[in-house]
């Protein structure tokens, strides 16, 4: 069935049955999509695929940033400009354990 089908949903019993059936099919399809997505992500992880974007700074960059920030004359803004990232990125990487 399609949304464009002309079904009289104003008839009390038929309309209610049709509405419930469409809700059931919709819920079933949504659950199938969720299941397929989860199994696909699990398969990708099993193959070694890691989701998300790549880190903007390497571990070596973070070490250099921490050394630079140990200097009281160096500001976070200057370090961020030097590494071509935002100040928030510097804070995010330097506050991680």
C-alpha atoms as a PDB file:
ATOM      1  CA  UNK A   1       0.000   0.000   0.000  1.00  0.00           C
ATOM      2  CA  UNK A   2       1.074   3.524  -0.549  1.00  0.00           C
ATOM      3  CA  UNK A   3       0.173   6.792   1.086  1.00  0.00           C
ATOM      4  CA  UNK A   4      -1.381   7.868  -2.220  1.00  0.00           C
ATOM      5  CA  UNK A   5      -3.914   5.000  -2.167  1.00  0.00           C
ATOM      6  CA  UNK A   6      -7.410   6.364  -1.738  1.00  0.00           C
ATOM      7  CA  UNK A   7      -8.648   4.558   1.341  1.00  0.00           C
ATOM      8  CA  UNK A   8     -11.528   5.971   3.319  1.00  0.00           C
ATOM      9  CA  UNK A   9     -10.045   6.360   6.786  1.00  0.00           C
ATOM     10  CA  UNK A  10     -13.154   8.173   7.993  1.00  0.00           C
ATOM     11  CA  UNK A  11     -15.098   4.907   8.287  1.00  0.00           C
ATOM     12  CA  UNK A  12     -14.793   4.101  12.000  1.00  0.00           C
ATOM     13  CA  UNK A  13     -13.629   0.474  11.924  1.00  0.00           C
ATOM     14  CA  UNK A  14     -11.807   0.383   8.583  1.00  0.00           C
ATOM     15  CA  UNK A  15      -9.954   3.620   9.268  1.00  0.00           C
ATOM     16  CA  UNK A  16      -8.797   2.433  12.678  1.00  0.00           C
ATOM     17  CA  UNK A  17      -7.639  -0.937  11.339  1.00  0.00           C
ATOM     18  CA  UNK A  18      -5.797   0.718   8.461  1.00  0.00           C
ATOM     19  CA  UNK A  19      -4.112   3.205  10.790  1.00  0.00           C
ATOM     20  CA  UNK A  20      -2.985   0.437  13.160  1.00  0.00           C
ATOM     21  CA  UNK A  21      -1.685  -1.693  10.296  1.00  0.00           C
ATOM     22  CA  UNK A  22       0.328   1.187   8.880  1.00  0.00           C
ATOM     23  CA  UNK A  23       1.776   1.886  12.352  1.00  0.00           C
ATOM     24  CA  UNK A  24       2.753  -1.774  12.744  1.00  0.00           C
ATOM     25  CA  UNK A  25       4.450  -1.898   9.336  1.00  0.00           C
ATOM     26  CA  UNK A  26       6.222   1.374  10.027  1.00  0.00           C
ATOM     27  CA  UNK A  27       7.498   0.136  13.391  1.00  0.00           C
ATOM     28  CA  UNK A  28       8.604  -3.170  11.840  1.00  0.00           C
ATOM     29  CA  UNK A  29      10.534  -1.417   9.062  1.00  0.00           C
ATOM     30  CA  UNK A  30      12.182   0.977  11.534  1.00  0.00           C
ATOM     31  CA  UNK A  31      13.320  -1.928  13.723  1.00  0.00           C
ATOM     32  CA  UNK A  32      14.707  -3.745  10.671  1.00  0.00           C
ATOM     33  CA  UNK A  33      16.686  -0.644   9.687  1.00  0.00           C
ATOM     34  CA  UNK A  34      18.088  -0.306  13.208  1.00  0.00           C
ATOM     35  CA  UNK A  35      19.076  -3.977  13.247  1.00  0.00           C
ATOM     36  CA  UNK A  36      20.760  -3.779   9.832  1.00  0.00           C
ATOM     37  CA  UNK A  37      22.636  -0.632  10.829  1.00  0.00           C
ATOM     38  CA  UNK A  38      23.888  -2.162  14.078  1.00  0.00           C
ATOM     39  CA  UNK A  39      24.995  -5.381  12.401  1.00  0.00           C
ATOM     40  CA  UNK A  40      26.747  -3.410   9.656  1.00  0.00           C
ATOM     41  CA  UNK A  41      28.610  -1.295  12.211  1.00  0.00           C
ATOM     42  CA  UNK A  42      29.595  -4.417  14.158  1.00  0.00           C
ATOM     43  CA  UNK A  43      30.892  -6.062  10.972  1.00  0.00           C
ATOM     44  CA  UNK A  44      32.877  -2.943  10.101  1.00  0.00           C
ATOM     45  CA  UNK A  45      34.408  -2.862  13.593  1.00  0.00           C
ATOM     46  CA  UNK A  46      35.317  -6.552  13.254  1.00  0.00           C
ATOM     47  CA  UNK A  47      37.182  -5.672  10.040  1.00  0.00           C
ATOM     48  CA  UNK A  48      39.091  -2.987  11.937  1.00  0.00           C
ATOM     49  CA  UNK A  49      37.131   0.023  10.698  1.00  0.00           C
ATOM     50  CA  UNK A  50      36.937   2.846  13.206  1.00  0.00           C
ATOM     51  CA  UNK A  51      34.187   5.406  12.769  1.00  0.00           C
ATOM     52  CA  UNK A  52      34.441   9.145  13.085  1.00  0.00           C
ATOM     53  CA  UNK A  53      36.862  11.653  11.698  1.00  0.00           C
ATOM     54  CA  UNK A  54      40.602  11.444  12.072  1.00  0.00           C
ATOM     55  CA  UNK A  55      42.196  13.378  14.937  1.00  0.00           C
ATOM     56  CA  UNK A  56      43.384  16.825  13.900  1.00  0.00           C
ATOM     57  CA  UNK A  57      46.512  16.564  16.063  1.00  0.00           C
ATOM     58  CA  UNK A  58      48.969  13.698  16.386  1.00  0.00           C
ATOM     59  CA  UNK A  59      50.389  12.534  19.707  1.00  0.00           C
ATOM     60  CA  UNK A  60      53.653  14.235  18.789  1.00  0.00           C
ATOM     61  CA  UNK A  61      51.789  17.499  18.146  1.00  0.00           C
ATOM     62  CA  UNK A  62      50.123  17.248  21.559  1.00  0.00           C
ATOM     63  CA  UNK A  63      53.509  16.724  23.227  1.00  0.00           C
ATOM     64  CA  UNK A  64      54.864  19.825  21.483  1.00  0.00           C
ATOM     65  CA  UNK A  65      51.776  21.804  22.452  1.00  0.00           C
ATOM     66  CA  UNK A  66      52.178  20.874  26.117  1.00  0.00           C
ATOM     67  CA  UNK A  67      55.822  21.945  26.009  1.00  0.00           C
ATOM     68  CA  UNK A  68      54.857  25.257  24.395  1.00  0.00           C
ATOM     69  CA  UNK A  69      52.081  25.891  26.913  1.00  0.00           C
ATOM     70  CA  UNK A  70      54.481  25.302  29.802  1.00  0.00           C
ATOM     71  CA  UNK A  71      56.052  28.625  28.794  1.00  0.00           C
ATOM     72  CA  UNK A  72      54.074  31.375  30.596  1.00  0.00           C
ATOM     73  CA  UNK A  73      54.709  33.751  27.673  1.00  0.00           C
ATOM     74  CA  UNK A  74      52.921  31.441  25.199  1.00  0.00           C
ATOM     75  CA  UNK A  75      49.149  31.851  24.858  1.00  0.00           C
ATOM     76  CA  UNK A  76      46.677  29.190  23.823  1.00  0.00           C
ATOM     77  CA  UNK A  77      45.661  31.370  20.884  1.00  0.00           C
ATOM     78  CA  UNK A  78      49.237  31.592  19.625  1.00  0.00           C
ATOM     79  CA  UNK A  79      49.687  27.829  19.906  1.00  0.00           C
ATOM     80  CA  UNK A  80      46.380  27.232  18.121  1.00  0.00           C
ATOM     81  CA  UNK A  81      47.402  29.544  15.302  1.00  0.00           C
ATOM     82  CA  UNK A  82      50.769  27.800  15.008  1.00  0.00           C
ATOM     83  CA  UNK A  83      49.112  24.374  14.625  1.00  0.00           C
ATOM     84  CA  UNK A  84      46.259  25.718  12.484  1.00  0.00           C
ATOM     85  CA  UNK A  85      43.503  24.596  14.863  1.00  0.00           C
ATOM     86  CA  UNK A  86      41.038  26.383  17.122  1.00  0.00           C
ATOM     87  CA  UNK A  87      41.714  27.254  20.743  1.00  0.00           C
ATOM     88  CA  UNK A  88      38.973  24.800  21.741  1.00  0.00           C
ATOM     89  CA  UNK A  89      40.883  22.013  20.001  1.00  0.00           C
ATOM     90  CA  UNK A  90      43.977  22.873  22.034  1.00  0.00           C
ATOM     91  CA  UNK A  91      41.947  22.807  25.251  1.00  0.00           C
ATOM     92  CA  UNK A  92      40.294  19.515  24.278  1.00  0.00           C
ATOM     93  CA  UNK A  93      43.602  17.773  23.618  1.00  0.00           C
ATOM     94  CA  UNK A  94      45.475  19.185  26.607  1.00  0.00           C
ATOM     95  CA  UNK A  95      42.786  18.397  29.178  1.00  0.00           C
ATOM     96  CA  UNK A  96      42.570  14.719  28.144  1.00  0.00           C
ATOM     97  CA  UNK A  97      44.329  12.343  30.508  1.00  0.00           C
END
